Amino acid sequence: QEKINLNQATKEDLMKISGIGDKKADKILAYRQSHGQFKTIEELQNVDGFGEKTVAKLKDQLAV
């Protein structure tokens, strides 16, 4: 399975990930706009709605 790059993904790309819907995709894009690129996948925990467990579950599907 191809990994989705958190820094390059479009909303459509993000929504391909199981567990990320419309609202969460928007939050990731908004975070990226205001904070710049993600340096680590763990940084996703700073986004509203993404806890440690969620990030751990999604980690295999993501890249930075």
Protein backbone atom coordinates (compact mmCIF):
# COMPACT_ATOMS: atom_id res chain seq x y z
CA GLN A 1 0.00 0.00 0.00
CA GLU A 2 1.30 3.40 -0.99
CA LYS A 3 1.86 5.79 1.88
CA ILE A 4 0.17 9.16 1.90
CA ASN A 5 2.53 12.08 2.44
CA LEU A 6 1.09 14.39 5.09
CA ASN A 7 2.77 17.40 3.52
CA GLN A 8 1.71 16.83 -0.08
CA ALA A 9 -1.65 15.13 0.30
CA THR A 10 -4.78 16.73 -1.05
CA LYS A 11 -8.03 16.44 0.85
CA GLU A 12 -9.01 13.55 -1.45
CA ASP A 13 -5.73 11.75 -0.67
CA LEU A 14 -6.25 12.15 3.06
CA MET A 15 -9.78 10.83 2.88
CA LYS A 16 -8.50 7.58 1.33
CA ILE A 17 -7.03 6.75 4.72
CA SER A 18 -9.30 4.65 6.85
CA GLY A 19 -10.34 6.73 9.86
CA ILE A 20 -9.93 10.11 8.17
CA GLY A 21 -13.13 11.66 6.94
CA ASP A 22 -14.11 15.04 5.62
CA LYS A 23 -13.70 17.00 8.86
CA LYS A 24 -10.40 15.42 9.90
CA ALA A 25 -8.95 15.96 6.44
CA ASP A 26 -9.88 19.65 6.68
CA LYS A 27 -8.21 19.88 10.09
CA ILE A 28 -4.97 18.39 8.75
CA LEU A 29 -4.96 20.86 5.85
CA ALA A 30 -5.70 23.78 8.18
CA TYR A 31 -2.90 22.72 10.52
CA ARG A 32 -0.48 22.49 7.60
CA GLN A 33 -1.49 25.95 6.44
CA SER A 34 -0.90 27.58 9.78
CA HIS A 35 2.12 25.58 11.01
CA GLY A 36 3.87 24.66 7.79
CA GLN A 37 4.99 21.16 6.94
CA PHE A 38 4.79 18.21 9.29
CA LYS A 39 8.27 17.25 10.44
CA THR A 40 7.19 13.93 11.95
CA ILE A 41 4.10 11.76 11.76
CA GLU A 42 3.77 12.13 15.55
CA GLU A 43 3.14 15.84 15.02
CA LEU A 44 -0.31 14.79 13.81
CA GLN A 45 -1.19 14.50 17.52
CA ASN A 46 -1.22 18.32 17.62
CA VAL A 47 -4.17 18.32 15.25
CA ASP A 48 -7.55 18.44 16.96
CA GLY A 49 -9.17 15.01 16.89
CA PHE A 50 -5.98 12.97 16.59
CA GLY A 51 -4.86 11.28 19.77
CA GLU A 52 -1.85 9.07 20.37
CA LYS A 53 -3.80 5.87 19.61
CA THR A 54 -5.25 7.22 16.37
CA VAL A 55 -1.83 8.35 15.17
CA ALA A 56 -0.31 4.97 16.07
CA LYS A 57 -3.03 3.26 14.03
CA LEU A 58 -2.54 5.52 11.00
CA LYS A 59 1.26 5.60 11.11
CA ASP A 60 1.77 2.75 8.64
CA GLN A 61 -0.27 4.59 6.03
CA LEU A 62 1.53 7.92 6.35
CA ALA A 63 4.81 9.52 5.37
CA VAL A 64 6.35 12.97 5.76
